[in-house]
């Protein structure tokens, strides 16, 4: 099992005049939600998106 399979929930930070940044990865959505609430208090001008990173399966070479 790879690292990306363990931490499928991703939090993206959107700051004005900057590219989106993968801010953190989580095992479950409740951890991501509570972390984003804490970060919103520390960084009120930033926006945070949480999503499930399913990923694409790696194709087998023949």
PDB file of N, CA and C in Angstrom:
ATOM      1  N   UNK A   1       0.854  -1.178   0.000  1.00  0.00           N
ATOM      2  CA  UNK A   1       0.000   0.000   0.000  1.00  0.00           C
ATOM      3  C   UNK A   1       0.896   1.236   0.000  1.00  0.00           C
ATOM      4  N   UNK A   2       0.612   2.152  -0.914  1.00  0.00           N
ATOM      5  CA  UNK A   2       1.456   3.333  -1.026  1.00  0.00           C
ATOM      6  C   UNK A   2       0.967   4.447  -0.105  1.00  0.00           C
ATOM      7  N   UNK A   3       1.808   5.440   0.060  1.00  0.00           N
ATOM      8  CA  UNK A   3       1.499   6.594   0.912  1.00  0.00           C
ATOM      9  C   UNK A   3       0.225   7.288   0.462  1.00  0.00           C
ATOM     10  N   UNK A   4       0.043   7.440  -0.860  1.00  0.00           N
ATOM     11  CA  UNK A   4      -1.125   8.156  -1.375  1.00  0.00           C
ATOM     12  C   UNK A   4      -2.424   7.416  -1.087  1.00  0.00           C
ATOM     13  N   UNK A   5      -2.380   6.096  -0.931  1.00  0.00           N
ATOM     14  CA  UNK A   5      -3.584   5.336  -0.611  1.00  0.00           C
ATOM     15  C   UNK A   5      -3.971   5.511   0.855  1.00  0.00           C
ATOM     16  N   UNK A   6      -3.016   5.771   1.722  1.00  0.00           N
ATOM     17  CA  UNK A   6      -3.307   5.951   3.138  1.00  0.00           C
ATOM     18  C   UNK A   6      -3.903   7.328   3.422  1.00  0.00           C
ATOM     19  N   UNK A   7      -3.433   8.334   2.717  1.00  0.00           N
ATOM     20  CA  UNK A   7      -3.857   9.706   2.962  1.00  0.00           C
ATOM     21  C   UNK A   7      -4.598  10.232   1.729  1.00  0.00           C
ATOM     22  N   UNK A   8      -5.862   9.845   1.600  1.00  0.00           N
ATOM     23  CA  UNK A   8      -6.631  10.165   0.405  1.00  0.00           C
ATOM     24  C   UNK A   8      -7.315  11.521   0.475  1.00  0.00           C
ATOM     25  N   UNK A   9      -7.490  12.098   1.649  1.00  0.00           N
ATOM     26  CA  UNK A   9      -8.152  13.400   1.766  1.00  0.00           C
ATOM     27  C   UNK A   9      -7.092  14.486   1.706  1.00  0.00           C
ATOM     28  N   UNK A  10      -7.286  15.435   0.804  1.00  0.00           N
ATOM     29  CA  UNK A  10      -6.297  16.472   0.546  1.00  0.00           C
ATOM     30  C   UNK A  10      -6.908  17.835   0.850  1.00  0.00           C
ATOM     31  N   UNK A  11      -6.129  18.693   1.512  1.00  0.00           N
ATOM     32  CA  UNK A  11      -6.560  20.062   1.754  1.00  0.00           C
ATOM     33  C   UNK A  11      -5.682  20.983   0.907  1.00  0.00           C
ATOM     34  N   UNK A  12      -6.353  21.804   0.102  1.00  0.00           N
ATOM     35  CA  UNK A  12      -5.687  22.765  -0.760  1.00  0.00           C
ATOM     36  C   UNK A  12      -5.867  24.153  -0.156  1.00  0.00           C
ATOM     37  N   UNK A  13      -4.812  24.931  -0.148  1.00  0.00           N
ATOM     38  CA  UNK A  13      -4.868  26.306   0.341  1.00  0.00           C
ATOM     39  C   UNK A  13      -4.876  27.245  -0.863  1.00  0.00           C
ATOM     40  N   UNK A  14      -5.877  28.134  -0.893  1.00  0.00           N
ATOM     41  CA  UNK A  14      -5.982  29.129  -1.950  1.00  0.00           C
ATOM     42  C   UNK A  14      -5.699  30.499  -1.348  1.00  0.00           C
ATOM     43  N   UNK A  15      -4.572  31.071  -1.710  1.00  0.00           N
ATOM     44  CA  UNK A  15      -4.198  32.411  -1.253  1.00  0.00           C
ATOM     45  C   UNK A  15      -4.289  33.384  -2.420  1.00  0.00           C
ATOM     46  N   UNK A  16      -4.637  34.629  -2.149  1.00  0.00           N
ATOM     47  CA  UNK A  16      -4.706  35.604  -3.233  1.00  0.00           C
ATOM     48  C   UNK A  16      -3.349  35.762  -3.925  1.00  0.00           C
ATOM     49  N   UNK A  17      -3.373  35.812  -5.234  1.00  0.00           N
ATOM     50  CA  UNK A  17      -2.185  36.065  -6.067  1.00  0.00           C
ATOM     51  C   UNK A  17      -1.128  34.967  -5.946  1.00  0.00           C
ATOM     52  N   UNK A  18      -1.553  33.746  -5.619  1.00  0.00           N
ATOM     53  CA  UNK A  18      -0.620  32.620  -5.551  1.00  0.00           C
ATOM     54  C   UNK A  18      -1.273  31.389  -6.159  1.00  0.00           C
ATOM     55  N   UNK A  19      -0.450  30.441  -6.577  1.00  0.00           N
ATOM     56  CA  UNK A  19      -0.971  29.182  -7.099  1.00  0.00           C
ATOM     57  C   UNK A  19      -1.536  28.361  -5.946  1.00  0.00           C
ATOM     58  N   UNK A  20      -2.531  27.503  -6.232  1.00  0.00           N
ATOM     59  CA  UNK A  20      -3.041  26.601  -5.186  1.00  0.00           C
ATOM     60  C   UNK A  20      -1.922  25.715  -4.648  1.00  0.00           C
ATOM     61  N   UNK A  21      -1.988  25.436  -3.364  1.00  0.00           N
ATOM     62  CA  UNK A  21      -0.943  24.683  -2.687  1.00  0.00           C
ATOM     63  C   UNK A  21      -1.559  23.514  -1.933  1.00  0.00           C
ATOM     64  N   UNK A  22      -1.023  22.311  -2.148  1.00  0.00           N
ATOM     65  CA  UNK A  22      -1.460  21.169  -1.341  1.00  0.00           C
ATOM     66  C   UNK A  22      -0.908  21.411   0.056  1.00  0.00           C
ATOM     67  N   UNK A  23      -1.821  21.655   0.972  1.00  0.00           N
ATOM     68  CA  UNK A  23      -1.432  22.087   2.310  1.00  0.00           C
ATOM     69  C   UNK A  23      -1.235  20.909   3.257  1.00  0.00           C
ATOM     70  N   UNK A  24      -2.108  19.906   3.145  1.00  0.00           N
ATOM     71  CA  UNK A  24      -2.009  18.750   4.043  1.00  0.00           C
ATOM     72  C   UNK A  24      -2.776  17.577   3.454  1.00  0.00           C
ATOM     73  N   UNK A  25      -2.490  16.383   3.947  1.00  0.00           N
ATOM     74  CA  UNK A  25      -3.189  15.155   3.551  1.00  0.00           C
ATOM     75  C   UNK A  25      -3.666  14.460   4.814  1.00  0.00           C
ATOM     76  N   UNK A  26      -4.846  13.822   4.704  1.00  0.00           N
ATOM     77  CA  UNK A  26      -5.469  13.203   5.880  1.00  0.00           C
ATOM     78  C   UNK A  26      -6.036  11.835   5.546  1.00  0.00           C
ATOM     79  N   UNK A  27      -6.200  11.015   6.578  1.00  0.00           N
ATOM     80  CA  UNK A  27      -6.782   9.685   6.418  1.00  0.00           C
ATOM     81  C   UNK A  27      -8.304   9.730   6.348  1.00  0.00           C
ATOM     82  N   UNK A  28      -8.911  10.677   7.018  1.00  0.00           N
ATOM     83  CA  UNK A  28     -10.380  10.729   7.021  1.00  0.00           C
ATOM     84  C   UNK A  28     -10.858  12.178   6.917  1.00  0.00           C
ATOM     85  N   UNK A  29     -12.091  12.359   6.458  1.00  0.00           N
ATOM     86  CA  UNK A  29     -12.586  13.715   6.223  1.00  0.00           C
ATOM     87  C   UNK A  29     -12.797  14.542   7.485  1.00  0.00           C
ATOM     88  N   UNK A  30     -13.092  13.905   8.600  1.00  0.00           N
ATOM     89  CA  UNK A  30     -13.315  14.682   9.823  1.00  0.00           C
ATOM     90  C   UNK A  30     -12.022  15.338  10.313  1.00  0.00           C
ATOM     91  N   UNK A  31     -10.891  14.665  10.150  1.00  0.00           N
ATOM     92  CA  UNK A  31      -9.602  15.268  10.504  1.00  0.00           C
ATOM     93  C   UNK A  31      -9.314  16.472   9.608  1.00  0.00           C
ATOM     94  N   UNK A  32      -9.598  16.330   8.333  1.00  0.00           N
ATOM     95  CA  UNK A  32      -9.367  17.423   7.388  1.00  0.00           C
ATOM     96  C   UNK A  32     -10.261  18.612   7.712  1.00  0.00           C
ATOM     97  N   UNK A  33     -11.514  18.362   8.037  1.00  0.00           N
ATOM     98  CA  UNK A  33     -12.461  19.438   8.348  1.00  0.00           C
ATOM     99  C   UNK A  33     -12.025  20.197   9.606  1.00  0.00           C
ATOM    100  N   UNK A  34     -11.661  19.485  10.655  1.00  0.00           N
ATOM    101  CA  UNK A  34     -11.256  20.157  11.889  1.00  0.00           C
ATOM    102  C   UNK A  34      -9.958  20.947  11.693  1.00  0.00           C
ATOM    103  N   UNK A  35      -9.043  20.413  10.897  1.00  0.00           N
ATOM    104  CA  UNK A  35      -7.793  21.125  10.629  1.00  0.00           C
ATOM    105  C   UNK A  35      -8.063  22.394   9.820  1.00  0.00           C
ATOM    106  N   UNK A  36      -8.973  22.318   8.848  1.00  0.00           N
ATOM    107  CA  UNK A  36      -9.267  23.501   8.035  1.00  0.00           C
ATOM    108  C   UNK A  36      -9.944  24.587   8.869  1.00  0.00           C
ATOM    109  N   UNK A  37     -10.765  24.200   9.842  1.00  0.00           N
ATOM    110  CA  UNK A  37     -11.400  25.189  10.714  1.00  0.00           C
ATOM    111  C   UNK A  37     -10.359  25.921  11.552  1.00  0.00           C
ATOM    112  N   UNK A  38      -9.376  25.199  12.044  1.00  0.00           N
ATOM    113  CA  UNK A  38      -8.300  25.826  12.823  1.00  0.00           C
ATOM    114  C   UNK A  38      -7.464  26.742  11.936  1.00  0.00           C
ATOM    115  N   UNK A  39      -7.189  26.317  10.711  1.00  0.00           N
ATOM    116  CA  UNK A  39      -6.385  27.133   9.810  1.00  0.00           C
ATOM    117  C   UNK A  39      -7.125  28.399   9.373  1.00  0.00           C
ATOM    118  N   UNK A  40      -8.441  28.334   9.264  1.00  0.00           N
ATOM    119  CA  UNK A  40      -9.224  29.516   8.902  1.00  0.00           C
ATOM    120  C   UNK A  40      -9.122  30.594   9.976  1.00  0.00           C
ATOM    121  N   UNK A  41      -8.970  30.191  11.232  1.00  0.00           N
ATOM    122  CA  UNK A  41      -8.791  31.165  12.308  1.00  0.00           C
ATOM    123  C   UNK A  41      -7.406  31.801  12.240  1.00  0.00           C
ATOM    124  N   UNK A  42      -6.402  31.018  11.849  1.00  0.00           N
ATOM    125  CA  UNK A  42      -5.037  31.539  11.756  1.00  0.00           C
ATOM    126  C   UNK A  42      -4.803  32.344  10.483  1.00  0.00           C
ATOM    127  N   UNK A  43      -5.487  31.955   9.408  1.00  0.00           N
ATOM    128  CA  UNK A  43      -5.302  32.610   8.103  1.00  0.00           C
ATOM    129  C   UNK A  43      -6.680  32.983   7.543  1.00  0.00           C
ATOM    130  N   UNK A  44      -7.289  34.054   8.038  1.00  0.00           N
ATOM    131  CA  UNK A  44      -8.663  34.379   7.643  1.00  0.00           C
ATOM    132  C   UNK A  44      -8.823  34.775   6.178  1.00  0.00           C
ATOM    133  N   UNK A  45      -7.768  35.245   5.517  1.00  0.00           N
ATOM    134  CA  UNK A  45      -7.866  35.635   4.112  1.00  0.00           C
ATOM    135  C   UNK A  45      -7.711  34.453   3.152  1.00  0.00           C
ATOM    136  N   UNK A  46      -7.250  33.336   3.649  1.00  0.00           N
ATOM    137  CA  UNK A  46      -7.046  32.159   2.801  1.00  0.00           C
ATOM    138  C   UNK A  46      -8.337  31.352   2.706  1.00  0.00           C
ATOM    139  N   UNK A  47      -8.462  30.625   1.609  1.00  0.00           N
ATOM    140  CA  UNK A  47      -9.578  29.699   1.444  1.00  0.00           C
ATOM    141  C   UNK A  47      -9.006  28.300   1.364  1.00  0.00           C
ATOM    142  N   UNK A  48      -9.708  27.346   1.955  1.00  0.00           N
ATOM    143  CA  UNK A  48      -9.248  25.972   1.972  1.00  0.00           C
ATOM    144  C   UNK A  48     -10.288  25.073   1.321  1.00  0.00           C
ATOM    145  N   UNK A  49      -9.821  24.176   0.468  1.00  0.00           N
ATOM    146  CA  UNK A  49     -10.683  23.194  -0.167  1.00  0.00           C
ATOM    147  C   UNK A  49     -10.254  21.813   0.304  1.00  0.00           C
ATOM    148  N   UNK A  50     -11.232  20.975   0.581  1.00  0.00           N
ATOM    149  CA  UNK A  50     -10.958  19.598   0.983  1.00  0.00           C
ATOM    150  C   UNK A  50     -11.613  18.691  -0.045  1.00  0.00           C
ATOM    151  N   UNK A  51     -10.844  17.727  -0.534  1.00  0.00           N
ATOM    152  CA  UNK A  51     -11.429  16.802  -1.498  1.00  0.00           C
ATOM    153  C   UNK A  51     -10.796  15.429  -1.364  1.00  0.00           C
ATOM    154  N   UNK A  52     -11.497  14.451  -1.912  1.00  0.00           N
ATOM    155  CA  UNK A  52     -11.027  13.070  -1.916  1.00  0.00           C
ATOM    156  C   UNK A  52     -10.176  12.870  -3.153  1.00  0.00           C
ATOM    157  N   UNK A  53      -8.938  12.492  -2.973  1.00  0.00           N
ATOM    158  CA  UNK A  53      -8.016  12.267  -4.077  1.00  0.00           C
ATOM    159  C   UNK A  53      -8.035  10.784  -4.419  1.00  0.00           C
ATOM    160  N   UNK A  54      -8.824  10.437  -5.427  1.00  0.00           N
ATOM    161  CA  UNK A  54      -8.968   9.030  -5.810  1.00  0.00           C
ATOM    162  C   UNK A  54      -7.747   8.562  -6.586  1.00  0.00           C
ATOM    163  N   UNK A  55      -7.237   9.406  -7.468  1.00  0.00           N
ATOM    164  CA  UNK A  55      -6.066   9.044  -8.263  1.00  0.00           C
ATOM    165  C   UNK A  55      -6.445   8.157  -9.434  1.00  0.00           C
ATOM    166  N   UNK A  56      -5.512   7.988 -10.307  1.00  0.00           N
ATOM    167  CA  UNK A  56      -5.720   7.166 -11.489  1.00  0.00           C
ATOM    168  C   UNK A  56      -4.948   5.861 -11.331  1.00  0.00           C
ATOM    169  N   UNK A  57      -5.559   4.740 -11.739  1.00  0.00           N
ATOM    170  CA  UNK A  57      -4.831   3.466 -11.635  1.00  0.00           C
ATOM    171  C   UNK A  57      -3.643   3.454 -12.601  1.00  0.00           C
ATOM    172  N   UNK A  58      -2.574   2.825 -12.184  1.00  0.00           N
ATOM    173  CA  UNK A  58      -1.393   2.708 -13.036  1.00  0.00           C
ATOM    174  C   UNK A  58      -1.619   1.577 -14.011  1.00  0.00           C
ATOM    175  N   UNK A  59      -1.455   1.853 -15.298  1.00  0.00           N
ATOM    176  CA  UNK A  59      -1.673   0.837 -16.305  1.00  0.00           C
ATOM    177  C   UNK A  59      -0.486  -0.116 -16.336  1.00  0.00           C
ATOM    178  N   UNK A  60      -0.792  -1.380 -16.514  1.00  0.00           N
ATOM    179  CA  UNK A  60       0.239  -2.419 -16.586  1.00  0.00           C
ATOM    180  C   UNK A  60       0.900  -2.345 -17.953  1.00  0.00           C
ATOM    181  N   UNK A  61       2.215  -2.395 -17.992  1.00  0.00           N
ATOM    182  CA  UNK A  61       2.920  -2.451 -19.266  1.00  0.00           C
ATOM    183  C   UNK A  61       2.927  -3.886 -19.745  1.00  0.00           C
ATOM    184  N   UNK A  62       2.743  -4.054 -21.047  1.00  0.00           N
ATOM    185  CA  UNK A  62       2.720  -5.428 -21.600  1.00  0.00           C
ATOM    186  C   UNK A  62       4.049  -5.840 -22.117  1.00  0.00           C
TER     187      UNK A  62
END
